[in-house]
PDB file of all heavy atoms in Angstrom:
ATOM      1  N   ALA A   1      -3.193  -6.844  -0.866  1.00  0.00           N
ATOM      2  CA  ALA A   1      -4.127  -7.884  -0.899  1.00  0.00           C
ATOM      3  C   ALA A   1      -4.006  -8.775   0.224  1.00  0.00           C
ATOM      4  O   ALA A   1      -4.909  -9.294   0.956  1.00  0.00           O
ATOM      5  CB  ALA A   1      -4.212  -8.650  -2.248  1.00  0.00           C
ATOM      6  N   ALA A   2      -2.786  -9.340   0.456  1.00  0.00           N
ATOM      7  CA  ALA A   2      -2.478 -10.287   1.517  1.00  0.00           C
ATOM      8  C   ALA A   2      -2.759  -9.586   2.909  1.00  0.00           C
ATOM      9  O   ALA A   2      -3.251 -10.319   3.804  1.00  0.00           O
ATOM     10  CB  ALA A   2      -0.947 -10.673   1.438  1.00  0.00           C
ATOM     11  N   ALA A   3      -2.417  -8.400   2.989  1.00  0.00           N
ATOM     12  CA  ALA A   3      -2.572  -7.630   4.255  1.00  0.00           C
ATOM     13  C   ALA A   3      -4.095  -7.620   4.665  1.00  0.00           C
ATOM     14  O   ALA A   3      -4.495  -7.725   5.798  1.00  0.00           O
ATOM     15  CB  ALA A   3      -1.851  -6.255   4.302  1.00  0.00           C
ATOM     16  N   LEU A   4      -4.871  -7.293   3.655  1.00  0.00           N
ATOM     17  CA  LEU A   4      -6.272  -7.105   3.847  1.00  0.00           C
ATOM     18  C   LEU A   4      -6.893  -8.492   4.164  1.00  0.00           C
ATOM     19  O   LEU A   4      -7.796  -8.529   4.989  1.00  0.00           O
ATOM     20  CB  LEU A   4      -6.912  -6.639   2.529  1.00  0.00           C
ATOM     21  CG  LEU A   4      -6.743  -5.113   2.249  1.00  0.00           C
ATOM     22  CD1 LEU A   4      -7.185  -4.817   0.824  1.00  0.00           C
ATOM     23  CD2 LEU A   4      -7.350  -4.205   3.276  1.00  0.00           C
ATOM     24  N   ALA A   5      -6.426  -9.572   3.697  1.00  0.00           N
ATOM     25  CA  ALA A   5      -6.722 -10.913   4.136  1.00  0.00           C
ATOM     26  C   ALA A   5      -6.548 -11.049   5.522  1.00  0.00           C
ATOM     27  O   ALA A   5      -7.303 -11.713   6.298  1.00  0.00           O
ATOM     28  CB  ALA A   5      -6.149 -11.999   3.272  1.00  0.00           C
ATOM     29  N   GLY A   6      -5.351 -10.593   5.958  1.00  0.00           N
ATOM     30  CA  GLY A   6      -4.947 -10.730   7.381  1.00  0.00           C
ATOM     31  C   GLY A   6      -5.894 -10.027   8.230  1.00  0.00           C
ATOM     32  O   GLY A   6      -6.294 -10.464   9.441  1.00  0.00           O
ATOM     33  N   ILE A   7      -6.336  -8.768   7.803  1.00  0.00           N
ATOM     34  CA  ILE A   7      -7.357  -8.029   8.681  1.00  0.00           C
ATOM     35  C   ILE A   7      -8.666  -8.794   8.684  1.00  0.00           C
ATOM     36  O   ILE A   7      -9.357  -8.786   9.754  1.00  0.00           O
ATOM     37  CB  ILE A   7      -7.447  -6.648   8.091  1.00  0.00           C
ATOM     38  CG1 ILE A   7      -6.090  -5.834   8.483  1.00  0.00           C
ATOM     39  CG2 ILE A   7      -8.671  -5.872   8.617  1.00  0.00           C
ATOM     40  CD1 ILE A   7      -6.114  -4.504   7.742  1.00  0.00           C
ATOM     41  N   ALA A   8      -9.016  -9.279   7.562  1.00  0.00           N
ATOM     42  CA  ALA A   8     -10.412 -10.103   7.542  1.00  0.00           C
ATOM     43  C   ALA A   8     -10.404 -11.229   8.473  1.00  0.00           C
ATOM     44  O   ALA A   8     -11.352 -11.584   9.183  1.00  0.00           O
ATOM     45  CB  ALA A   8     -10.733 -10.494   6.194  1.00  0.00           C
ATOM     46  N   LEU A   9      -9.135 -11.860   8.614  1.00  0.00           N
ATOM     47  CA  LEU A   9      -9.128 -13.118   9.429  1.00  0.00           C
ATOM     48  C   LEU A   9      -8.821 -12.848  10.887  1.00  0.00           C
ATOM     49  O   LEU A   9      -9.024 -13.635  11.726  1.00  0.00           O
ATOM     50  CB  LEU A   9      -7.911 -13.903   8.906  1.00  0.00           C
ATOM     51  CG  LEU A   9      -8.134 -14.633   7.504  1.00  0.00           C
ATOM     52  CD1 LEU A   9      -6.815 -15.269   7.021  1.00  0.00           C
ATOM     53  CD2 LEU A   9      -9.238 -15.665   7.670  1.00  0.00           C
ATOM     54  N   GLY A  10      -8.336 -11.599  11.188  1.00  0.00           N
ATOM     55  CA  GLY A  10      -7.949 -11.236  12.550  1.00  0.00           C
ATOM     56  C   GLY A  10      -9.105 -11.041  13.541  1.00  0.00           C
ATOM     57  O   GLY A  10     -10.206 -10.745  13.120  1.00  0.00           O
ATOM     58  N   THR A  11      -8.788 -11.151  14.774  1.00  0.00           N
ATOM     59  CA  THR A  11      -9.803 -11.004  15.781  1.00  0.00           C
ATOM     60  C   THR A  11      -9.285 -10.278  17.008  1.00  0.00           C
ATOM     61  O   THR A  11     -10.109 -10.094  17.932  1.00  0.00           O
ATOM     62  CB  THR A  11     -10.273 -12.407  16.334  1.00  0.00           C
ATOM     63  OG1 THR A  11      -9.128 -13.206  16.802  1.00  0.00           O
ATOM     64  CG2 THR A  11     -11.001 -13.208  15.243  1.00  0.00           C
ATOM     65  N   ASP A  12      -8.035  -9.774  16.998  1.00  0.00           N
ATOM     66  CA  ASP A  12      -7.551  -9.105  18.146  1.00  0.00           C
ATOM     67  C   ASP A  12      -6.595  -8.039  17.708  1.00  0.00           C
ATOM     68  O   ASP A  12      -6.113  -7.969  16.600  1.00  0.00           O
ATOM     69  CB  ASP A  12      -6.922 -10.083  19.175  1.00  0.00           C
ATOM     70  CG  ASP A  12      -5.725 -10.855  18.623  1.00  0.00           C
ATOM     71  OD1 ASP A  12      -4.905 -10.414  17.748  1.00  0.00           O
ATOM     72  OD2 ASP A  12      -5.599 -12.021  19.070  1.00  0.00           O
ATOM     73  N   PHE A  13      -6.146  -7.165  18.712  1.00  0.00           N
ATOM     74  CA  PHE A  13      -5.368  -5.962  18.431  1.00  0.00           C
ATOM     75  C   PHE A  13      -3.985  -6.455  17.792  1.00  0.00           C
ATOM     76  O   PHE A  13      -3.509  -5.736  16.828  1.00  0.00           O
ATOM     77  CB  PHE A  13      -5.050  -5.218  19.803  1.00  0.00           C
ATOM     78  CG  PHE A  13      -4.149  -4.033  19.561  1.00  0.00           C
ATOM     79  CD1 PHE A  13      -4.767  -2.762  19.261  1.00  0.00           C
ATOM     80  CD2 PHE A  13      -2.767  -4.059  19.719  1.00  0.00           C
ATOM     81  CE1 PHE A  13      -4.021  -1.703  19.146  1.00  0.00           C
ATOM     82  CE2 PHE A  13      -2.075  -3.002  19.553  1.00  0.00           C
ATOM     83  CZ  PHE A  13      -2.665  -1.771  19.236  1.00  0.00           C
ATOM     84  N   ALA A  14      -3.248  -7.468  18.316  1.00  0.00           N
ATOM     85  CA  ALA A  14      -1.946  -7.824  17.838  1.00  0.00           C
ATOM     86  C   ALA A  14      -2.015  -8.207  16.353  1.00  0.00           C
ATOM     87  O   ALA A  14      -1.246  -7.806  15.614  1.00  0.00           O
ATOM     88  CB  ALA A  14      -1.483  -8.988  18.640  1.00  0.00           C
ATOM     89  N   VAL A  15      -3.011  -9.063  15.996  1.00  0.00           N
ATOM     90  CA  VAL A  15      -3.104  -9.423  14.508  1.00  0.00           C
ATOM     91  C   VAL A  15      -3.404  -8.326  13.686  1.00  0.00           C
ATOM     92  O   VAL A  15      -2.794  -8.108  12.682  1.00  0.00           O
ATOM     93  CB  VAL A  15      -4.228 -10.537  14.543  1.00  0.00           C
ATOM     94  CG1 VAL A  15      -4.363 -10.993  12.936  1.00  0.00           C
ATOM     95  CG2 VAL A  15      -3.771 -11.857  15.167  1.00  0.00           C
ATOM     96  N   TRP A  16      -4.309  -7.500  14.126  1.00  0.00           N
ATOM     97  CA  TRP A  16      -4.670  -6.215  13.313  1.00  0.00           C
ATOM     98  C   TRP A  16      -3.451  -5.320  13.132  1.00  0.00           C
ATOM     99  O   TRP A  16      -3.321  -4.663  12.161  1.00  0.00           O
ATOM    100  CB  TRP A  16      -5.959  -5.586  13.886  1.00  0.00           C
ATOM    101  CG  TRP A  16      -7.164  -6.365  13.556  1.00  0.00           C
ATOM    102  CD1 TRP A  16      -7.559  -7.125  12.385  1.00  0.00           C
ATOM    103  CD2 TRP A  16      -8.326  -6.467  14.398  1.00  0.00           C
ATOM    104  NE1 TRP A  16      -8.753  -7.555  12.454  1.00  0.00           N
ATOM    105  CE2 TRP A  16      -9.265  -7.222  13.583  1.00  0.00           C
ATOM    106  CE3 TRP A  16      -8.679  -6.005  15.635  1.00  0.00           C
ATOM    107  CZ2 TRP A  16     -10.548  -7.565  14.105  1.00  0.00           C
ATOM    108  CZ3 TRP A  16      -9.889  -6.239  16.146  1.00  0.00           C
ATOM    109  CH2 TRP A  16     -10.881  -7.154  15.472  1.00  0.00           C
ATOM    110  N   ALA A  17      -2.713  -5.155  14.271  1.00  0.00           N
ATOM    111  CA  ALA A  17      -1.549  -4.325  14.135  1.00  0.00           C
ATOM    112  C   ALA A  17      -0.467  -4.779  13.091  1.00  0.00           C
ATOM    113  O   ALA A  17      -0.016  -4.026  12.340  1.00  0.00           O
ATOM    114  CB  ALA A  17      -0.842  -4.215  15.576  1.00  0.00           C
ATOM    115  N   MET A  18      -0.185  -6.084  13.177  1.00  0.00           N
ATOM    116  CA  MET A  18       0.624  -6.580  12.186  1.00  0.00           C
ATOM    117  C   MET A  18       0.151  -6.605  10.739  1.00  0.00           C
ATOM    118  O   MET A  18       0.921  -6.177   9.839  1.00  0.00           O
ATOM    119  CB  MET A  18       0.931  -8.115  12.515  1.00  0.00           C
ATOM    120  CG  MET A  18       1.760  -8.316  13.799  1.00  0.00           C
ATOM    121  SD  MET A  18       2.292 -10.068  14.106  1.00  0.00           S
ATOM    122  CE  MET A  18       0.662 -10.776  14.451  1.00  0.00           C
ATOM    123  N   ALA A  19      -1.112  -6.747  10.545  1.00  0.00           N
ATOM    124  CA  ALA A  19      -1.725  -6.644   9.203  1.00  0.00           C
ATOM    125  C   ALA A  19      -1.673  -5.144   8.782  1.00  0.00           C
ATOM    126  O   ALA A  19      -1.466  -4.908   7.607  1.00  0.00           O
ATOM    127  CB  ALA A  19      -3.190  -7.154   9.259  1.00  0.00           C
ATOM    128  N   SER A  20      -1.879  -4.266   9.703  1.00  0.00           N
ATOM    129  CA  SER A  20      -1.855  -2.845   9.368  1.00  0.00           C
ATOM    130  C   SER A  20      -0.415  -2.454   9.007  1.00  0.00           C
ATOM    131  O   SER A  20      -0.233  -1.550   8.049  1.00  0.00           O
ATOM    132  CB  SER A  20      -2.287  -1.977  10.543  1.00  0.00           C
ATOM    133  OG  SER A  20      -3.584  -2.133  10.912  1.00  0.00           O
ATOM    134  N   VAL A  21       0.558  -3.017   9.677  1.00  0.00           N
ATOM    135  CA  VAL A  21       1.933  -2.790   9.162  1.00  0.00           C
ATOM    136  C   VAL A  21       2.201  -3.193   7.769  1.00  0.00           C
ATOM    137  O   VAL A  21       2.802  -2.537   7.004  1.00  0.00           O
ATOM    138  CB  VAL A  21       2.987  -3.380  10.192  1.00  0.00           C
ATOM    139  CG1 VAL A  21       4.354  -3.362   9.672  1.00  0.00           C
ATOM    140  CG2 VAL A  21       2.888  -2.667  11.490  1.00  0.00           C
ATOM    141  N   ALA A  22       1.701  -4.450   7.525  1.00  0.00           N
ATOM    142  CA  ALA A  22       1.920  -5.031   6.162  1.00  0.00           C
ATOM    143  C   ALA A  22       1.153  -4.233   5.197  1.00  0.00           C
ATOM    144  O   ALA A  22       1.726  -4.025   3.906  1.00  0.00           O
ATOM    145  CB  ALA A  22       1.433  -6.440   6.155  1.00  0.00           C
ATOM    146  N   LEU A  23      -0.049  -3.674   5.526  1.00  0.00           N
ATOM    147  CA  LEU A  23      -0.785  -2.834   4.537  1.00  0.00           C
ATOM    148  C   LEU A  23       0.016  -1.646   4.201  1.00  0.00           C
ATOM    149  O   LEU A  23      -0.040  -1.153   3.050  1.00  0.00           O
ATOM    150  CB  LEU A  23      -2.207  -2.570   5.079  1.00  0.00           C
ATOM    151  CG  LEU A  23      -3.243  -1.906   4.194  1.00  0.00           C
ATOM    152  CD1 LEU A  23      -3.429  -2.636   2.958  1.00  0.00           C
ATOM    153  CD2 LEU A  23      -4.454  -1.575   4.914  1.00  0.00           C
ATOM    154  N   GLY A  24       0.518  -1.030   5.249  1.00  0.00           N
ATOM    155  CA  GLY A  24       1.378   0.258   5.099  1.00  0.00           C
ATOM    156  C   GLY A  24       2.541  -0.036   4.158  1.00  0.00           C
ATOM    157  O   GLY A  24       2.782   0.810   3.213  1.00  0.00           O
ATOM    158  N   LEU A  25       3.244  -1.133   4.310  1.00  0.00           N
ATOM    159  CA  LEU A  25       4.416  -1.460   3.569  1.00  0.00           C
ATOM    160  C   LEU A  25       3.999  -1.685   2.122  1.00  0.00           C
ATOM    161  O   LEU A  25       4.602  -1.104   1.108  1.00  0.00           O
ATOM    162  CB  LEU A  25       5.049  -2.713   4.039  1.00  0.00           C
ATOM    163  CG  LEU A  25       5.836  -2.539   5.311  1.00  0.00           C
ATOM    164  CD1 LEU A  25       6.285  -3.932   5.810  1.00  0.00           C
ATOM    165  CD2 LEU A  25       7.112  -1.650   5.202  1.00  0.00           C
ATOM    166  N   GLY A  26       2.930  -2.365   1.846  1.00  0.00           N
ATOM    167  CA  GLY A  26       2.433  -2.633   0.551  1.00  0.00           C
ATOM    168  C   GLY A  26       2.015  -1.280  -0.141  1.00  0.00           C
ATOM    169  O   GLY A  26       2.401  -1.093  -1.365  1.00  0.00           O
ATOM    170  N   THR A  27       1.416  -0.430   0.505  1.00  0.00           N
ATOM    171  CA  THR A  27       0.959   0.861  -0.007  1.00  0.00           C
ATOM    172  C   THR A  27       2.155   1.690  -0.350  1.00  0.00           C
ATOM    173  O   THR A  27       2.129   2.387  -1.305  1.00  0.00           O
ATOM    174  CB  THR A  27      -0.003   1.551   0.940  1.00  0.00           C
ATOM    175  OG1 THR A  27      -1.108   0.709   1.300  1.00  0.00           O
ATOM    176  CG2 THR A  27      -0.598   2.864   0.351  1.00  0.00           C
ATOM    177  N   ALA A  28       3.156   1.651   0.530  1.00  0.00           N
ATOM    178  CA  ALA A  28       4.393   2.465   0.240  1.00  0.00           C
ATOM    179  C   ALA A  28       5.212   2.006  -1.073  1.00  0.00           C
ATOM    180  O   ALA A  28       5.769   2.883  -1.691  1.00  0.00           O
ATOM    181  CB  ALA A  28       5.338   2.339   1.429  1.00  0.00           C
ATOM    182  N   LEU A  29       5.075   0.767  -1.329  1.00  0.00           N
ATOM    183  CA  LEU A  29       5.678   0.388  -2.603  1.00  0.00           C
ATOM    184  C   LEU A  29       4.957   0.923  -3.875  1.00  0.00           C
ATOM    185  O   LEU A  29       5.630   1.134  -4.850  1.00  0.00           O
ATOM    186  CB  LEU A  29       5.646  -1.160  -2.623  1.00  0.00           C
ATOM    187  CG  LEU A  29       6.595  -1.923  -1.699  1.00  0.00           C
ATOM    188  CD1 LEU A  29       6.253  -3.435  -1.716  1.00  0.00           C
ATOM    189  CD2 LEU A  29       8.065  -1.674  -2.070  1.00  0.00           C
ATOM    190  N   VAL A  30       3.714   1.147  -3.573  1.00  0.00           N
ATOM    191  CA  VAL A  30       2.835   1.525  -4.774  1.00  0.00           C
ATOM    192  C   VAL A  30       2.706   3.035  -4.932  1.00  0.00           C
ATOM    193  O   VAL A  30       2.692   3.615  -6.038  1.00  0.00           O
ATOM    194  CB  VAL A  30       1.427   0.925  -4.603  1.00  0.00           C
ATOM    195  CG1 VAL A  30       0.414   1.494  -5.638  1.00  0.00           C
ATOM    196  CG2 VAL A  30       1.494  -0.580  -4.742  1.00  0.00           C
ATOM    197  N   TYR A  31       2.495   3.807  -3.846  1.00  0.00           N
ATOM    198  CA  TYR A  31       1.878   5.105  -3.833  1.00  0.00           C
ATOM    199  C   TYR A  31       2.789   6.141  -4.577  1.00  0.00           C
ATOM    200  O   TYR A  31       2.373   6.733  -5.558  1.00  0.00           O
ATOM    201  CB  TYR A  31       1.508   5.577  -2.405  1.00  0.00           C
ATOM    202  CG  TYR A  31       0.216   6.396  -2.376  1.00  0.00           C
ATOM    203  CD1 TYR A  31      -1.017   5.784  -2.530  1.00  0.00           C
ATOM    204  CD2 TYR A  31       0.315   7.739  -2.192  1.00  0.00           C
ATOM    205  CE1 TYR A  31      -2.161   6.448  -2.404  1.00  0.00           C
ATOM    206  CE2 TYR A  31      -0.915   8.476  -2.191  1.00  0.00           C
ATOM    207  CZ  TYR A  31      -2.037   7.948  -2.287  1.00  0.00           C
ATOM    208  OH  TYR A  31      -3.273   8.614  -2.236  1.00  0.00           O
ATOM    209  N   PRO A  32       4.000   6.310  -4.098  1.00  0.00           N
ATOM    210  CA  PRO A  32       4.872   7.330  -4.828  1.00  0.00           C
ATOM    211  C   PRO A  32       5.342   6.849  -6.208  1.00  0.00           C
ATOM    212  O   PRO A  32       5.482   7.638  -7.156  1.00  0.00           O
ATOM    213  CB  PRO A  32       6.021   7.547  -3.914  1.00  0.00           C
ATOM    214  CG  PRO A  32       6.103   6.182  -3.163  1.00  0.00           C
ATOM    215  CD  PRO A  32       4.680   5.760  -2.952  1.00  0.00           C
ATOM    216  N   THR A  33       5.342   5.433  -6.298  1.00  0.00           N
ATOM    217  CA  THR A  33       5.764   4.949  -7.594  1.00  0.00           C
ATOM    218  C   THR A  33       4.794   5.199  -8.619  1.00  0.00           C
ATOM    219  O   THR A  33       5.261   5.392  -9.795  1.00  0.00           O
ATOM    220  CB  THR A  33       6.097   3.460  -7.426  1.00  0.00           C
ATOM    221  OG1 THR A  33       6.761   3.214  -6.215  1.00  0.00           O
ATOM    222  CG2 THR A  33       6.851   2.876  -8.562  1.00  0.00           C
ATOM    223  N   LEU A  34       3.555   5.061  -8.457  1.00  0.00           N
ATOM    224  CA  LEU A  34       2.507   5.187  -9.449  1.00  0.00           C
ATOM    225  C   LEU A  34       2.634   6.806  -9.922  1.00  0.00           C
ATOM    226  O   LEU A  34       2.494   7.051 -11.198  1.00  0.00           O
ATOM    227  CB  LEU A  34       1.197   5.028  -8.913  1.00  0.00           C
ATOM    228  CG  LEU A  34       0.748   3.496  -8.793  1.00  0.00           C
ATOM    229  CD1 LEU A  34      -0.551   3.330  -7.979  1.00  0.00           C
ATOM    230  CD2 LEU A  34       0.573   2.916 -10.196  1.00  0.00           C
ATOM    231  N   ILE A  35       2.662   7.750  -9.046  1.00  0.00           N
ATOM    232  CA  ILE A  35       2.771   9.123  -9.547  1.00  0.00           C
ATOM    233  C   ILE A  35       4.023   9.314 -10.265  1.00  0.00           C
ATOM    234  O   ILE A  35       4.139  10.233 -11.265  1.00  0.00           O
ATOM    235  CB  ILE A  35       2.649  10.082  -8.260  1.00  0.00           C
ATOM    236  CG1 ILE A  35       1.501   9.841  -7.404  1.00  0.00           C
ATOM    237  CG2 ILE A  35       2.510  11.540  -8.864  1.00  0.00           C
ATOM    238  CD1 ILE A  35       1.385  10.714  -6.211  1.00  0.00           C
ATOM    239  N   ALA A  36       5.107   8.687  -9.925  1.00  0.00           N
ATOM    240  CA  ALA A  36       6.420   8.828 -10.674  1.00  0.00           C
ATOM    241  C   ALA A  36       6.209   8.251 -11.980  1.00  0.00           C
ATOM    242  O   ALA A  36       6.867   8.770 -12.958  1.00  0.00           O
ATOM    243  CB  ALA A  36       7.530   8.079  -9.908  1.00  0.00           C
ATOM    244  N   VAL A  37       5.530   7.151 -12.167  1.00  0.00           N
ATOM    245  CA  VAL A  37       5.239   6.707 -13.522  1.00  0.00           C
ATOM    246  C   VAL A  37       4.643   7.673 -14.341  1.00  0.00           C
ATOM    247  O   VAL A  37       4.934   7.893 -15.617  1.00  0.00           O
ATOM    248  CB  VAL A  37       4.344   5.313 -13.423  1.00  0.00           C
ATOM    249  CG1 VAL A  37       3.693   4.999 -14.801  1.00  0.00           C
ATOM    250  CG2 VAL A  37       5.190   4.252 -12.916  1.00  0.00           C
ATOM    251  N   VAL A  38       3.613   8.349 -13.883  1.00  0.00           N
ATOM    252  CA  VAL A  38       2.884   9.495 -14.557  1.00  0.00           C
ATOM    253  C   VAL A  38       3.802  10.526 -14.988  1.00  0.00           C
ATOM    254  O   VAL A  38       3.787  11.035 -16.131  1.00  0.00           O
ATOM    255  CB  VAL A  38       1.654   9.872 -13.800  1.00  0.00           C
ATOM    256  CG1 VAL A  38       0.972  11.051 -14.603  1.00  0.00           C
ATOM    257  CG2 VAL A  38       0.737   8.711 -13.565  1.00  0.00           C
ATOM    258  N   ALA A  39       4.599  10.951 -13.998  1.00  0.00           N
ATOM    259  CA  ALA A  39       5.554  12.122 -14.266  1.00  0.00           C
ATOM    260  C   ALA A  39       6.562  11.715 -15.345  1.00  0.00           C
ATOM    261  O   ALA A  39       6.932  12.466 -16.233  1.00  0.00           O
ATOM    262  CB  ALA A  39       6.337  12.340 -13.018  1.00  0.00           C
ATOM    263  N   ASP A  40       7.035  10.358 -15.312  1.00  0.00           N
ATOM    264  CA  ASP A  40       7.935   9.800 -16.324  1.00  0.00           C
ATOM    265  C   ASP A  40       7.299   9.906 -17.673  1.00  0.00           C
ATOM    266  O   ASP A  40       8.008  10.301 -18.741  1.00  0.00           O
ATOM    267  CB  ASP A  40       8.247   8.420 -16.033  1.00  0.00           C
ATOM    268  CG  ASP A  40       9.215   8.228 -14.908  1.00  0.00           C
ATOM    269  OD1 ASP A  40       9.813   9.188 -14.300  1.00  0.00           O
ATOM    270  OD2 ASP A  40       9.196   6.995 -14.317  1.00  0.00           O
ATOM    271  N   ALA A  41       6.065   9.509 -17.856  1.00  0.00           N
ATOM    272  CA  ALA A  41       5.373   9.322 -19.167  1.00  0.00           C
ATOM    273  C   ALA A  41       4.703  10.640 -19.633  1.00  0.00           C
ATOM    274  O   ALA A  41       3.969  10.474 -20.585  1.00  0.00           O
ATOM    275  CB  ALA A  41       4.418   8.166 -19.034  1.00  0.00           C
ATOM    276  N   SER A  42       5.043  11.806 -19.067  1.00  0.00           N
ATOM    277  CA  SER A  42       4.362  13.019 -19.486  1.00  0.00           C
ATOM    278  C   SER A  42       5.363  14.074 -19.763  1.00  0.00           C
ATOM    279  O   SER A  42       6.374  14.205 -19.052  1.00  0.00           O
ATOM    280  CB  SER A  42       3.229  13.441 -18.503  1.00  0.00           C
ATOM    281  OG  SER A  42       3.870  13.623 -17.223  1.00  0.00           O
ATOM    282  N   HIS A  43       5.034  14.974 -20.716  1.00  0.00           N
ATOM    283  CA  HIS A  43       5.985  16.050 -21.093  1.00  0.00           C
ATOM    284  C   HIS A  43       5.734  17.228 -19.953  1.00  0.00           C
ATOM    285  O   HIS A  43       4.675  17.416 -19.467  1.00  0.00           O
ATOM    286  CB  HIS A  43       5.594  16.649 -22.406  1.00  0.00           C
ATOM    287  CG  HIS A  43       6.558  17.654 -23.004  1.00  0.00           C
ATOM    288  ND1 HIS A  43       6.427  18.921 -22.700  1.00  0.00           N
ATOM    289  CD2 HIS A  43       7.660  17.474 -23.712  1.00  0.00           C
ATOM    290  CE1 HIS A  43       7.484  19.598 -23.307  1.00  0.00           C
ATOM    291  NE2 HIS A  43       8.235  18.800 -23.935  1.00  0.00           N
ATOM    292  N   PRO A  44       6.859  17.923 -19.598  1.00  0.00           N
ATOM    293  CA  PRO A  44       6.608  19.021 -18.682  1.00  0.00           C
ATOM    294  C   PRO A  44       5.529  19.959 -18.893  1.00  0.00           C
ATOM    295  O   PRO A  44       4.916  20.459 -17.920  1.00  0.00           O
ATOM    296  CB  PRO A  44       8.078  19.687 -18.718  1.00  0.00           C
ATOM    297  CG  PRO A  44       9.026  18.619 -19.119  1.00  0.00           C
ATOM    298  CD  PRO A  44       8.227  17.751 -20.057  1.00  0.00           C
ATOM    299  N   SER A  45       5.225  20.260 -20.175  1.00  0.00           N
ATOM    300  CA  SER A  45       4.290  21.180 -20.586  1.00  0.00           C
ATOM    301  C   SER A  45       2.898  20.748 -20.309  1.00  0.00           C
ATOM    302  O   SER A  45       1.895  21.624 -20.078  1.00  0.00           O
ATOM    303  CB  SER A  45       4.334  21.573 -22.041  1.00  0.00           C
ATOM    304  OG  SER A  45       4.115  20.414 -22.808  1.00  0.00           O
ATOM    305  N   TRP A  46       2.574  19.571 -20.089  1.00  0.00           N
ATOM    306  CA  TRP A  46       1.310  18.974 -19.676  1.00  0.00           C
ATOM    307  C   TRP A  46       1.332  18.022 -18.556  1.00  0.00           C
ATOM    308  O   TRP A  46       0.367  17.279 -18.210  1.00  0.00           O
ATOM    309  CB  TRP A  46       0.567  18.397 -20.877  1.00  0.00           C
ATOM    310  CG  TRP A  46       1.229  17.417 -21.705  1.00  0.00           C
ATOM    311  CD1 TRP A  46       2.034  17.692 -22.806  1.00  0.00           C
ATOM    312  CD2 TRP A  46       1.311  15.951 -21.550  1.00  0.00           C
ATOM    313  NE1 TRP A  46       2.535  16.519 -23.378  1.00  0.00           N
ATOM    314  CE2 TRP A  46       2.211  15.354 -22.552  1.00  0.00           C
ATOM    315  CE3 TRP A  46       0.788  15.100 -20.607  1.00  0.00           C
ATOM    316  CZ2 TRP A  46       2.397  14.003 -22.851  1.00  0.00           C
ATOM    317  CZ3 TRP A  46       0.880  13.749 -20.833  1.00  0.00           C
ATOM    318  CH2 TRP A  46       1.824  13.170 -21.849  1.00  0.00           C
TER     319      TRP A  46
END
């Protein structure tokens, strides 16, 4: 959310590049972790 705010406020390549790095970091914390939650909470048969 903070990274998207940075992109909305940005006006040049440097600011957008830094915000894009932050967006990637935030997504990395979430993306594999969410699927792992689902794998944890489900039986192998389903």
